[in-house]
Structures are given as C-alpha cells and as structure tokens.
C-alpha cells in the first residue's frame, strides 16, 4: 500500500510512490463493497424502483455474506445516531434472513474486544455518517490492522461500506468539499483514508447531491486516481483490489483526468475557477464491470 505523510494540502498529498509497480502489490483475497448510500433497506425509499425493471429488493446488502448464518459486524462509528443505525440494520438484516450479526460503535474503547470480534467475522459493514470520524477513530488501531490482514489474506472476507462508510476506504479521501456550480481553488480538502483501495477516490450520493465538480477537482489534483461517483442504491463489488462490477438500481460514474489536456489546476489562485480539458467519463449500471487499474470497461 502507498504511504502518506499525515500532513495534507489542497494541491497534493505528499510522499506518493508513483513508481510502485502493480506486481509489487499484494493482491487481496477478500472483497470490497462500496455503496453510494440509501441502499434498499428498512425505512429508505428507493425512488427509481418502480421504474427500473432491473430492481431487486435488498440486492446490495444480500452480497455481504454467502451463508445467512455467517457473522457480520456492523461498525456505526461514522454515525452521530448509532442507535438509529442499529435499529435500521437490525430490521433490514432480519428481512434478508441474516441470523448472526452485531454492532460496534468504536470511539477509542474496548479495542481488543472488537479486534477479536472482527477476527471471527465474515463481513464488516461501515454505516454512513462522517468519513472523517471513521478515519480518526479506526486508522492506526488494531481494528484497522485486522481489517487489512483479513482483507489481504482471507478468501471471501468482505469489507463493505455505505455513504461515508464507502468514502473512507481509499488511500485518498474527500474529507471536505463544496457542491457548487463552479470548481474553485481551495474549496476541497483531501486526506489519507483507510488505504484499503488503491488508485481511486470515492464520492457518494453522487447524482442526487450534484457532486460531479468536487470529484472532478479531486482527480485533477491526483491524476493517477480514478474518481468513483456512486449513485444511491448502487454499489461496486470489487475483487482482487481492482475488478469491479456494478450492482443496484442506479449508476456509477467513473472520472479520469489521466489524459487531461489544457488546465489551470497547478496555477489557479485561491477563489478562482478551475478548468480542465479532456476529462473522461464512464457511465456504469447494474452488471457492467470495470478494471480499476487499466480502466477497461465491459458491458453485461
């Protein structure tokens, strides 16, 4: 995994080893499931489900484990209302038929106990809330270590996250940004995430909240990364750290500035608008797949 200094600025996160070869990286045996938020669950209305003939109830959350008796640990650290999250996912998991799940609201307490629980699990699921809270509490703890250990070494182990729970997974995360009509210099702040996903920056509620500009800004600052804009009730299931297939009723938008043309991103002054030529866009829906290293797209 790439290493980061713990200091950030709005131009670049420093100390990225741009020359690391793909073959030098460990290929994860586990899976990631990154969800754009508002996945079909108890208390959430998926607006498009009556129009989209491909809609499948609980399609995304059914991917968490193969056997309904497998252990799922739900981490609510991102949420300021963990009891509400517990109630929502308890009802939803029971609807799906899951019989073996528990909840962890880690805030620097009972770390050893939670490490042992995660070690025995088949899936760990991060709820929504604030991605910064997840990184502040989980990063550089035994919990983060055991997650990485199981993700790299355990076949079929799943780490999933919705909304903030998805945004926290890459090496570089959006920790604060504006959803304005124009991209302005100094209106985005990036930081180091949990480092589970390489070469990508993730944004969620992407279409509904109009977040194209801020993700474009992020990939213009980090052209080595793909930008993954996840729609609501939509997810990417990622295997081997790079092979991603879309699931759900909405769409995923992939942005790339790797072949950017004219741009003022390096010279623009604070408060002035950013422009960029030749930012590429892929539109991905249920069943489509993409390689998150090469950018190769495959239709269903």
C-alpha atoms as a PDB file:
ATOM      1  CA  UNK A   1       0.000   0.000   0.000  1.00  0.00           C
ATOM      2  CA  UNK A   2       1.128   3.548  -0.645  1.00  0.00           C
ATOM      3  CA  UNK A   3       2.379   5.539   2.340  1.00  0.00           C
ATOM      4  CA  UNK A   4       1.256   9.052   3.176  1.00  0.00           C
ATOM      5  CA  UNK A   5       2.561  11.774   5.415  1.00  0.00           C
ATOM      6  CA  UNK A   6      -0.104  12.864   7.869  1.00  0.00           C
ATOM      7  CA  UNK A   7       0.084  16.452   6.576  1.00  0.00           C
ATOM      8  CA  UNK A   8      -2.135  17.466   3.691  1.00  0.00           C
ATOM      9  CA  UNK A   9      -2.690  20.478   1.486  1.00  0.00           C
ATOM     10  CA  UNK A  10      -5.238  21.236  -1.201  1.00  0.00           C
ATOM     11  CA  UNK A  11      -2.816  20.639  -4.063  1.00  0.00           C
ATOM     12  CA  UNK A  12      -1.232  17.275  -3.332  1.00  0.00           C
ATOM     13  CA  UNK A  13      -0.914  14.692  -0.610  1.00  0.00           C
ATOM     14  CA  UNK A  14       2.838  14.246  -0.400  1.00  0.00           C
ATOM     15  CA  UNK A  15       5.056  11.128  -0.476  1.00  0.00           C
ATOM     16  CA  UNK A  16       3.077   9.062  -3.020  1.00  0.00           C
ATOM     17  CA  UNK A  17       5.302   6.454  -4.640  1.00  0.00           C
ATOM     18  CA  UNK A  18       4.222   6.946  -8.232  1.00  0.00           C
ATOM     19  CA  UNK A  19       6.677   4.323  -9.442  1.00  0.00           C
ATOM     20  CA  UNK A  20       5.312   1.375  -7.448  1.00  0.00           C
ATOM     21  CA  UNK A  21       4.672  -1.460  -9.867  1.00  0.00           C
ATOM     22  CA  UNK A  22       1.389  -3.361  -9.842  1.00  0.00           C
ATOM     23  CA  UNK A  23       3.198  -6.692  -9.446  1.00  0.00           C
ATOM     24  CA  UNK A  24       4.808  -5.466  -6.198  1.00  0.00           C
ATOM     25  CA  UNK A  25       1.429  -5.020  -4.515  1.00  0.00           C
ATOM     26  CA  UNK A  26      -0.234  -7.820  -2.603  1.00  0.00           C
ATOM     27  CA  UNK A  27      -3.391  -8.996  -4.383  1.00  0.00           C
ATOM     28  CA  UNK A  28      -6.241  -9.011  -1.841  1.00  0.00           C
ATOM     29  CA  UNK A  29      -8.073 -12.300  -1.420  1.00  0.00           C
ATOM     30  CA  UNK A  30     -11.036 -10.545   0.165  1.00  0.00           C
ATOM     31  CA  UNK A  31     -13.649  -8.257  -1.364  1.00  0.00           C
ATOM     32  CA  UNK A  32     -14.795  -4.655  -1.016  1.00  0.00           C
ATOM     33  CA  UNK A  33     -18.367  -3.458  -1.435  1.00  0.00           C
ATOM     34  CA  UNK A  34     -18.632   0.316  -1.766  1.00  0.00           C
ATOM     35  CA  UNK A  35     -22.185   1.693  -1.740  1.00  0.00           C
ATOM     36  CA  UNK A  36     -23.404   5.150  -2.740  1.00  0.00           C
ATOM     37  CA  UNK A  37     -25.828   5.498   0.181  1.00  0.00           C
ATOM     38  CA  UNK A  38     -29.572   4.966   0.580  1.00  0.00           C
ATOM     39  CA  UNK A  39     -29.308   1.322  -0.423  1.00  0.00           C
ATOM     40  CA  UNK A  40     -32.619  -0.517  -0.290  1.00  0.00           C
ATOM     41  CA  UNK A  41     -33.169  -1.068   3.424  1.00  0.00           C
ATOM     42  CA  UNK A  42     -35.768  -0.626   6.130  1.00  0.00           C
ATOM     43  CA  UNK A  43     -37.066   2.953   6.227  1.00  0.00           C
ATOM     44  CA  UNK A  44     -35.442   4.000   2.939  1.00  0.00           C
ATOM     45  CA  UNK A  45     -37.496   4.550  -0.202  1.00  0.00           C
ATOM     46  CA  UNK A  46     -35.659   3.866  -3.475  1.00  0.00           C
ATOM     47  CA  UNK A  47     -37.437   6.271  -5.823  1.00  0.00           C
ATOM     48  CA  UNK A  48     -36.473   4.524  -9.056  1.00  0.00           C
ATOM     49  CA  UNK A  49     -37.542   1.017  -8.044  1.00  0.00           C
ATOM     50  CA  UNK A  50     -40.981   1.261  -9.671  1.00  0.00           C
ATOM     51  CA  UNK A  51     -39.442   2.444 -12.967  1.00  0.00           C
ATOM     52  CA  UNK A  52     -36.297   0.331 -13.157  1.00  0.00           C
ATOM     53  CA  UNK A  53     -37.243  -3.146 -14.358  1.00  0.00           C
ATOM     54  CA  UNK A  54     -33.903  -4.482 -13.102  1.00  0.00           C
ATOM     55  CA  UNK A  55     -34.687  -3.520  -9.492  1.00  0.00           C
ATOM     56  CA  UNK A  56     -34.090  -6.329  -6.971  1.00  0.00           C
ATOM     57  CA  UNK A  57     -35.094  -5.805  -3.310  1.00  0.00           C
ATOM     58  CA  UNK A  58     -32.084  -5.726  -0.957  1.00  0.00           C
ATOM     59  CA  UNK A  59     -29.861  -6.577  -3.929  1.00  0.00           C
ATOM     60  CA  UNK A  60     -26.778  -4.895  -2.485  1.00  0.00           C
ATOM     61  CA  UNK A  61     -26.972  -5.915   1.176  1.00  0.00           C
ATOM     62  CA  UNK A  62     -27.565  -9.537   0.160  1.00  0.00           C
ATOM     63  CA  UNK A  63     -23.956  -9.551  -1.082  1.00  0.00           C
ATOM     64  CA  UNK A  64     -22.453  -9.194   2.400  1.00  0.00           C
ATOM     65  CA  UNK A  65     -22.105 -12.925   3.115  1.00  0.00           C
ATOM     66  CA  UNK A  66     -22.714 -16.181   1.263  1.00  0.00           C
ATOM     67  CA  UNK A  67     -24.312 -18.022   4.161  1.00  0.00           C
ATOM     68  CA  UNK A  68     -27.001 -16.208   6.132  1.00  0.00           C
ATOM     69  CA  UNK A  69     -25.537 -17.636   9.353  1.00  0.00           C
ATOM     70  CA  UNK A  70     -22.095 -16.074   8.701  1.00  0.00           C
ATOM     71  CA  UNK A  71     -21.054 -13.406  11.192  1.00  0.00           C
ATOM     72  CA  UNK A  72     -21.463  -9.734  10.177  1.00  0.00           C
ATOM     73  CA  UNK A  73     -20.053  -6.920  12.317  1.00  0.00           C
ATOM     74  CA  UNK A  74     -21.636  -3.518  11.703  1.00  0.00           C
ATOM     75  CA  UNK A  75     -19.444  -0.524  12.609  1.00  0.00           C
ATOM     76  CA  UNK A  76     -21.521   2.588  13.374  1.00  0.00           C
ATOM     77  CA  UNK A  77     -18.562   4.831  14.291  1.00  0.00           C
ATOM     78  CA  UNK A  78     -19.349   7.288  11.466  1.00  0.00           C
ATOM     79  CA  UNK A  79     -22.834   7.986  12.788  1.00  0.00           C
ATOM     80  CA  UNK A  80     -23.893  10.504  15.415  1.00  0.00           C
ATOM     81  CA  UNK A  81     -27.022   8.361  15.905  1.00  0.00           C
ATOM     82  CA  UNK A  82     -25.720   4.804  16.350  1.00  0.00           C
ATOM     83  CA  UNK A  83     -28.916   3.553  17.975  1.00  0.00           C
ATOM     84  CA  UNK A  84     -30.907   4.598  14.911  1.00  0.00           C
ATOM     85  CA  UNK A  85     -28.441   2.730  12.699  1.00  0.00           C
ATOM     86  CA  UNK A  86     -28.687  -0.322  14.929  1.00  0.00           C
ATOM     87  CA  UNK A  87     -32.481  -0.322  14.649  1.00  0.00           C
ATOM     88  CA  UNK A  88     -32.484   0.186  10.864  1.00  0.00           C
ATOM     89  CA  UNK A  89     -29.986  -2.545  10.048  1.00  0.00           C
ATOM     90  CA  UNK A  90     -31.383  -4.983  12.589  1.00  0.00           C
ATOM     91  CA  UNK A  91     -34.756  -4.819  10.843  1.00  0.00           C
ATOM     92  CA  UNK A  92     -33.194  -4.972   7.382  1.00  0.00           C
ATOM     93  CA  UNK A  93     -30.886  -7.896   8.137  1.00  0.00           C
ATOM     94  CA  UNK A  94     -33.764  -9.851   9.638  1.00  0.00           C
ATOM     95  CA  UNK A  95     -35.790  -9.179   6.467  1.00  0.00           C
ATOM     96  CA  UNK A  96     -32.915 -10.581   4.400  1.00  0.00           C
ATOM     97  CA  UNK A  97     -32.634 -13.579   6.709  1.00  0.00           C
ATOM     98  CA  UNK A  98     -29.280 -12.869   8.373  1.00  0.00           C
ATOM     99  CA  UNK A  99     -29.130 -14.507  11.787  1.00  0.00           C
ATOM    100  CA  UNK A 100     -25.657 -13.683  13.086  1.00  0.00           C
ATOM    101  CA  UNK A 101     -24.748 -10.008  13.333  1.00  0.00           C
ATOM    102  CA  UNK A 102     -23.628  -7.459  15.903  1.00  0.00           C
ATOM    103  CA  UNK A 103     -22.863  -3.741  16.223  1.00  0.00           C
ATOM    104  CA  UNK A 104     -19.671  -1.914  17.137  1.00  0.00           C
ATOM    105  CA  UNK A 105     -19.556   1.798  17.933  1.00  0.00           C
ATOM    106  CA  UNK A 106     -15.821   2.251  18.391  1.00  0.00           C
ATOM    107  CA  UNK A 107     -14.631   5.512  19.905  1.00  0.00           C
ATOM    108  CA  UNK A 108     -11.295   4.507  21.393  1.00  0.00           C
ATOM    109  CA  UNK A 109     -12.914   1.966  23.723  1.00  0.00           C
ATOM    110  CA  UNK A 110     -12.715  -1.847  24.051  1.00  0.00           C
ATOM    111  CA  UNK A 111     -10.336  -2.144  21.105  1.00  0.00           C
ATOM    112  CA  UNK A 112      -9.085  -5.654  21.947  1.00  0.00           C
ATOM    113  CA  UNK A 113     -12.631  -6.985  22.268  1.00  0.00           C
ATOM    114  CA  UNK A 114     -13.621  -5.536  18.905  1.00  0.00           C
ATOM    115  CA  UNK A 115     -10.470  -6.855  17.228  1.00  0.00           C
ATOM    116  CA  UNK A 116     -11.368 -10.370  18.334  1.00  0.00           C
ATOM    117  CA  UNK A 117     -14.954  -9.963  17.116  1.00  0.00           C
ATOM    118  CA  UNK A 118     -13.789  -8.768  13.709  1.00  0.00           C
ATOM    119  CA  UNK A 119     -11.241 -11.589  13.516  1.00  0.00           C
ATOM    120  CA  UNK A 120     -14.096 -14.096  13.800  1.00  0.00           C
ATOM    121  CA  UNK A 121     -16.363 -12.338  11.272  1.00  0.00           C
ATOM    122  CA  UNK A 122     -17.022 -12.994   7.588  1.00  0.00           C
ATOM    123  CA  UNK A 123     -18.057  -9.415   6.808  1.00  0.00           C
ATOM    124  CA  UNK A 124     -17.586  -5.952   8.288  1.00  0.00           C
ATOM    125  CA  UNK A 125     -20.016  -3.212   7.288  1.00  0.00           C
ATOM    126  CA  UNK A 126     -19.443   0.521   7.863  1.00  0.00           C
ATOM    127  CA  UNK A 127     -22.604   2.610   8.068  1.00  0.00           C
ATOM    128  CA  UNK A 128     -22.935   6.190   6.857  1.00  0.00           C
ATOM    129  CA  UNK A 129     -22.256   9.389   8.748  1.00  0.00           C
ATOM    130  CA  UNK A 130     -18.922  11.229   8.674  1.00  0.00           C
ATOM    131  CA  UNK A 131     -15.975   9.601   6.896  1.00  0.00           C
ATOM    132  CA  UNK A 132     -13.535  11.739   8.876  1.00  0.00           C
ATOM    133  CA  UNK A 133     -14.821  10.240  12.118  1.00  0.00           C
ATOM    134  CA  UNK A 134     -14.145   6.723  10.820  1.00  0.00           C
ATOM    135  CA  UNK A 135     -10.579   7.567   9.842  1.00  0.00           C
ATOM    136  CA  UNK A 136      -9.857   9.471  13.060  1.00  0.00           C
ATOM    137  CA  UNK A 137     -11.084   6.617  15.254  1.00  0.00           C
ATOM    138  CA  UNK A 138     -10.153   3.487  13.268  1.00  0.00           C
ATOM    139  CA  UNK A 139      -6.946   4.348  11.421  1.00  0.00           C
ATOM    140  CA  UNK A 140      -3.715   3.213  13.113  1.00  0.00           C
ATOM    141  CA  UNK A 141      -5.581   0.941  15.532  1.00  0.00           C
ATOM    142  CA  UNK A 142      -5.694  -2.822  15.948  1.00  0.00           C
ATOM    143  CA  UNK A 143      -9.111  -2.737  14.275  1.00  0.00           C
ATOM    144  CA  UNK A 144      -7.626  -1.289  11.098  1.00  0.00           C
ATOM    145  CA  UNK A 145      -4.759  -3.782  11.245  1.00  0.00           C
ATOM    146  CA  UNK A 146      -7.033  -6.824  11.494  1.00  0.00           C
ATOM    147  CA  UNK A 147      -9.265  -5.497   8.708  1.00  0.00           C
ATOM    148  CA  UNK A 148      -6.253  -5.207   6.408  1.00  0.00           C
ATOM    149  CA  UNK A 149      -4.923  -8.605   7.463  1.00  0.00           C
ATOM    150  CA  UNK A 150      -8.205 -10.369   6.728  1.00  0.00           C
ATOM    151  CA  UNK A 151      -8.847  -8.408   3.518  1.00  0.00           C
ATOM    152  CA  UNK A 152      -5.443  -9.311   2.106  1.00  0.00           C
ATOM    153  CA  UNK A 153      -5.317 -12.895   3.315  1.00  0.00           C
ATOM    154  CA  UNK A 154      -8.795 -14.356   3.744  1.00  0.00           C
ATOM    155  CA  UNK A 155     -10.760 -15.566   0.743  1.00  0.00           C
ATOM    156  CA  UNK A 156     -14.314 -14.189   0.547  1.00  0.00           C
ATOM    157  CA  UNK A 157     -13.905 -11.864   3.542  1.00  0.00           C
ATOM    158  CA  UNK A 158     -15.996  -8.766   2.819  1.00  0.00           C
ATOM    159  CA  UNK A 159     -15.455  -5.166   3.882  1.00  0.00           C
ATOM    160  CA  UNK A 160     -18.488  -3.089   2.918  1.00  0.00           C
ATOM    161  CA  UNK A 161     -19.490   0.495   3.486  1.00  0.00           C
ATOM    162  CA  UNK A 162     -22.292   2.831   2.544  1.00  0.00           C
ATOM    163  CA  UNK A 163     -22.031   6.606   2.053  1.00  0.00           C
ATOM    164  CA  UNK A 164     -19.264   7.752   4.455  1.00  0.00           C
ATOM    165  CA  UNK A 165     -18.510   4.082   5.046  1.00  0.00           C
ATOM    166  CA  UNK A 166     -17.534   3.806   1.368  1.00  0.00           C
ATOM    167  CA  UNK A 167     -15.738   7.136   1.132  1.00  0.00           C
ATOM    168  CA  UNK A 168     -13.300   6.213   3.921  1.00  0.00           C
ATOM    169  CA  UNK A 169     -11.827   3.163   2.141  1.00  0.00           C
ATOM    170  CA  UNK A 170      -9.349   4.597  -0.430  1.00  0.00           C
ATOM    171  CA  UNK A 171      -5.843   5.846   0.251  1.00  0.00           C
ATOM    172  CA  UNK A 172      -7.007   9.377  -0.572  1.00  0.00           C
ATOM    173  CA  UNK A 173     -10.402  10.576   0.657  1.00  0.00           C
ATOM    174  CA  UNK A 174     -12.501  13.687   0.255  1.00  0.00           C
ATOM    175  CA  UNK A 175     -12.820  14.968   3.805  1.00  0.00           C
ATOM    176  CA  UNK A 176     -14.472  18.298   2.981  1.00  0.00           C
ATOM    177  CA  UNK A 177     -15.671  19.919  -0.255  1.00  0.00           C
ATOM    178  CA  UNK A 178     -18.215  22.297  -1.727  1.00  0.00           C
ATOM    179  CA  UNK A 179     -21.020  21.221  -4.088  1.00  0.00           C
ATOM    180  CA  UNK A 180     -21.017  24.474  -6.042  1.00  0.00           C
ATOM    181  CA  UNK A 181     -21.693  25.304  -9.685  1.00  0.00           C
ATOM    182  CA  UNK A 182     -18.000  26.099 -10.271  1.00  0.00           C
ATOM    183  CA  UNK A 183     -14.876  24.338  -9.058  1.00  0.00           C
ATOM    184  CA  UNK A 184     -12.864  26.920  -7.146  1.00  0.00           C
ATOM    185  CA  UNK A 185      -9.293  26.633  -5.962  1.00  0.00           C
ATOM    186  CA  UNK A 186      -9.122  25.794  -2.251  1.00  0.00           C
ATOM    187  CA  UNK A 187     -12.733  24.534  -1.999  1.00  0.00           C
ATOM    188  CA  UNK A 188     -11.746  20.895  -1.409  1.00  0.00           C
ATOM    189  CA  UNK A 189      -9.767  19.202   1.332  1.00  0.00           C
ATOM    190  CA  UNK A 190      -8.281  15.721   0.871  1.00  0.00           C
ATOM    191  CA  UNK A 191      -6.786  13.411   3.453  1.00  0.00           C
ATOM    192  CA  UNK A 192      -5.479   9.897   3.988  1.00  0.00           C
ATOM    193  CA  UNK A 193      -8.116   7.166   4.291  1.00  0.00           C
ATOM    194  CA  UNK A 194      -8.058   3.551   5.466  1.00  0.00           C
ATOM    195  CA  UNK A 195      -5.900   2.567   2.461  1.00  0.00           C
ATOM    196  CA  UNK A 196      -7.976  -0.483   1.521  1.00  0.00           C
ATOM    197  CA  UNK A 197      -8.458   0.666  -2.086  1.00  0.00           C
ATOM    198  CA  UNK A 198      -5.632   1.890  -4.322  1.00  0.00           C
ATOM    199  CA  UNK A 199      -5.726   4.295  -7.244  1.00  0.00           C
ATOM    200  CA  UNK A 200      -9.253   5.612  -6.653  1.00  0.00           C
ATOM    201  CA  UNK A 201     -11.098   8.426  -4.903  1.00  0.00           C
ATOM    202  CA  UNK A 202     -14.697   7.664  -3.915  1.00  0.00           C
ATOM    203  CA  UNK A 203     -17.687  10.002  -3.651  1.00  0.00           C
ATOM    204  CA  UNK A 204     -21.254   9.014  -2.731  1.00  0.00           C
ATOM    205  CA  UNK A 205     -24.827  10.277  -3.209  1.00  0.00           C
ATOM    206  CA  UNK A 206     -23.129  11.386  -6.392  1.00  0.00           C
ATOM    207  CA  UNK A 207     -26.012  12.184  -8.719  1.00  0.00           C
ATOM    208  CA  UNK A 208     -28.623  13.217  -6.162  1.00  0.00           C
ATOM    209  CA  UNK A 209     -26.326  15.748  -4.455  1.00  0.00           C
ATOM    210  CA  UNK A 210     -24.654  17.087  -7.605  1.00  0.00           C
ATOM    211  CA  UNK A 211     -21.098  16.135  -6.708  1.00  0.00           C
ATOM    212  CA  UNK A 212     -19.562  15.899 -10.193  1.00  0.00           C
ATOM    213  CA  UNK A 213     -17.494  19.070  -9.725  1.00  0.00           C
ATOM    214  CA  UNK A 214     -15.857  18.092  -6.465  1.00  0.00           C
ATOM    215  CA  UNK A 215     -14.873  14.614  -7.655  1.00  0.00           C
ATOM    216  CA  UNK A 216     -13.522  16.082 -10.906  1.00  0.00           C
ATOM    217  CA  UNK A 217     -11.498  18.503  -8.807  1.00  0.00           C
ATOM    218  CA  UNK A 218     -10.100  15.634  -6.746  1.00  0.00           C
ATOM    219  CA  UNK A 219      -8.941  13.595  -9.758  1.00  0.00           C
ATOM    220  CA  UNK A 220      -7.458  16.674 -11.396  1.00  0.00           C
ATOM    221  CA  UNK A 221      -5.327  17.063  -8.282  1.00  0.00           C
ATOM    222  CA  UNK A 222      -4.491  13.342  -8.289  1.00  0.00           C
ATOM    223  CA  UNK A 223      -4.402  12.251 -11.918  1.00  0.00           C
ATOM    224  CA  UNK A 224      -3.097   8.802 -11.002  1.00  0.00           C
ATOM    225  CA  UNK A 225      -6.537   8.048  -9.493  1.00  0.00           C
ATOM    226  CA  UNK A 226      -9.899   7.172 -10.971  1.00  0.00           C
ATOM    227  CA  UNK A 227     -12.822   9.041  -9.458  1.00  0.00           C
ATOM    228  CA  UNK A 228     -15.706   6.758  -8.486  1.00  0.00           C
ATOM    229  CA  UNK A 229     -19.032   8.592  -8.191  1.00  0.00           C
ATOM    230  CA  UNK A 230     -21.537   6.197  -6.637  1.00  0.00           C
ATOM    231  CA  UNK A 231     -25.235   6.810  -7.108  1.00  0.00           C
ATOM    232  CA  UNK A 232     -27.743   5.955  -4.388  1.00  0.00           C
ATOM    233  CA  UNK A 233     -28.817   2.307  -4.085  1.00  0.00           C
ATOM    234  CA  UNK A 234     -25.813   1.498  -6.268  1.00  0.00           C
ATOM    235  CA  UNK A 235     -22.529  -0.201  -5.472  1.00  0.00           C
ATOM    236  CA  UNK A 236     -19.290  -1.576  -6.844  1.00  0.00           C
ATOM    237  CA  UNK A 237     -18.292  -5.072  -5.753  1.00  0.00           C
ATOM    238  CA  UNK A 238     -14.506  -5.184  -6.013  1.00  0.00           C
ATOM    239  CA  UNK A 239     -12.362  -8.331  -6.157  1.00  0.00           C
ATOM    240  CA  UNK A 240      -8.563  -8.619  -6.281  1.00  0.00           C
ATOM    241  CA  UNK A 241      -8.441  -4.925  -5.423  1.00  0.00           C
ATOM    242  CA  UNK A 242      -9.320  -3.894  -8.967  1.00  0.00           C
ATOM    243  CA  UNK A 243     -12.041  -5.981 -10.669  1.00  0.00           C
ATOM    244  CA  UNK A 244     -15.275  -4.086 -10.062  1.00  0.00           C
ATOM    245  CA  UNK A 245     -18.835  -4.948 -11.056  1.00  0.00           C
ATOM    246  CA  UNK A 246     -21.794  -2.631 -10.598  1.00  0.00           C
ATOM    247  CA  UNK A 247     -24.807  -3.683  -8.536  1.00  0.00           C
ATOM    248  CA  UNK A 248     -28.039  -1.851  -7.783  1.00  0.00           C
ATOM    249  CA  UNK A 249     -30.735   0.313  -9.323  1.00  0.00           C
ATOM    250  CA  UNK A 250     -28.775   3.485 -10.130  1.00  0.00           C
ATOM    251  CA  UNK A 251     -25.460   4.283 -11.781  1.00  0.00           C
ATOM    252  CA  UNK A 252     -21.777   4.747 -11.081  1.00  0.00           C
ATOM    253  CA  UNK A 253     -19.858   7.487 -12.875  1.00  0.00           C
ATOM    254  CA  UNK A 254     -16.122   6.930 -13.335  1.00  0.00           C
ATOM    255  CA  UNK A 255     -13.972  10.016 -13.941  1.00  0.00           C
ATOM    256  CA  UNK A 256     -10.404  10.065 -15.202  1.00  0.00           C
ATOM    257  CA  UNK A 257      -8.045  13.006 -15.639  1.00  0.00           C
ATOM    258  CA  UNK A 258      -5.146  10.783 -16.708  1.00  0.00           C
ATOM    259  CA  UNK A 259      -5.227  12.226 -20.233  1.00  0.00           C
ATOM    260  CA  UNK A 260      -6.176  15.763 -19.258  1.00  0.00           C
ATOM    261  CA  UNK A 261      -5.332  18.498 -21.747  1.00  0.00           C
ATOM    262  CA  UNK A 262      -5.382  22.193 -21.016  1.00  0.00           C
ATOM    263  CA  UNK A 263      -5.925  23.052 -17.361  1.00  0.00           C
ATOM    264  CA  UNK A 264      -5.053  25.732 -14.831  1.00  0.00           C
ATOM    265  CA  UNK A 265      -5.109  23.336 -11.857  1.00  0.00           C
ATOM    266  CA  UNK A 266      -1.452  23.988 -10.990  1.00  0.00           C
ATOM    267  CA  UNK A 267      -1.541  27.776 -11.341  1.00  0.00           C
ATOM    268  CA  UNK A 268      -5.056  28.914 -10.376  1.00  0.00           C
ATOM    269  CA  UNK A 269      -5.262  31.347  -7.473  1.00  0.00           C
ATOM    270  CA  UNK A 270      -7.450  30.788  -4.437  1.00  0.00           C
ATOM    271  CA  UNK A 271     -11.118  31.546  -5.061  1.00  0.00           C
ATOM    272  CA  UNK A 272     -10.784  31.452  -8.863  1.00  0.00           C
ATOM    273  CA  UNK A 273     -12.445  28.789 -11.053  1.00  0.00           C
ATOM    274  CA  UNK A 274     -10.643  25.685 -12.256  1.00  0.00           C
ATOM    275  CA  UNK A 275     -10.970  24.373 -15.820  1.00  0.00           C
ATOM    276  CA  UNK A 276      -9.847  21.160 -17.461  1.00  0.00           C
ATOM    277  CA  UNK A 277      -9.928  19.665 -20.955  1.00  0.00           C
ATOM    278  CA  UNK A 278     -10.486  16.004 -21.816  1.00  0.00           C
ATOM    279  CA  UNK A 279     -11.705  14.601 -18.509  1.00  0.00           C
ATOM    280  CA  UNK A 280     -13.067  11.178 -19.419  1.00  0.00           C
ATOM    281  CA  UNK A 281     -16.369   9.768 -18.154  1.00  0.00           C
ATOM    282  CA  UNK A 282     -17.701   6.208 -17.975  1.00  0.00           C
ATOM    283  CA  UNK A 283     -21.337   5.522 -17.123  1.00  0.00           C
ATOM    284  CA  UNK A 284     -21.784   2.148 -15.413  1.00  0.00           C
ATOM    285  CA  UNK A 285     -25.012   0.386 -14.450  1.00  0.00           C
ATOM    286  CA  UNK A 286     -26.012  -2.983 -12.989  1.00  0.00           C
ATOM    287  CA  UNK A 287     -23.906  -5.795 -14.441  1.00  0.00           C
ATOM    288  CA  UNK A 288     -21.283  -3.566 -16.080  1.00  0.00           C
ATOM    289  CA  UNK A 289     -17.713  -4.060 -14.926  1.00  0.00           C
ATOM    290  CA  UNK A 290     -14.519  -2.029 -14.947  1.00  0.00           C
ATOM    291  CA  UNK A 291     -10.890  -2.706 -14.133  1.00  0.00           C
ATOM    292  CA  UNK A 292      -9.831  -0.024 -11.640  1.00  0.00           C
ATOM    293  CA  UNK A 293      -6.197  -0.246 -12.734  1.00  0.00           C
ATOM    294  CA  UNK A 294      -6.437  -0.309 -16.529  1.00  0.00           C
ATOM    295  CA  UNK A 295      -9.816   1.407 -16.925  1.00  0.00           C
ATOM    296  CA  UNK A 296     -11.026  -1.407 -19.207  1.00  0.00           C
ATOM    297  CA  UNK A 297     -14.818  -1.377 -19.400  1.00  0.00           C
ATOM    298  CA  UNK A 298     -17.042  -4.391 -20.054  1.00  0.00           C
ATOM    299  CA  UNK A 299     -20.764  -4.376 -20.693  1.00  0.00           C
ATOM    300  CA  UNK A 300     -23.002  -7.034 -19.063  1.00  0.00           C
END
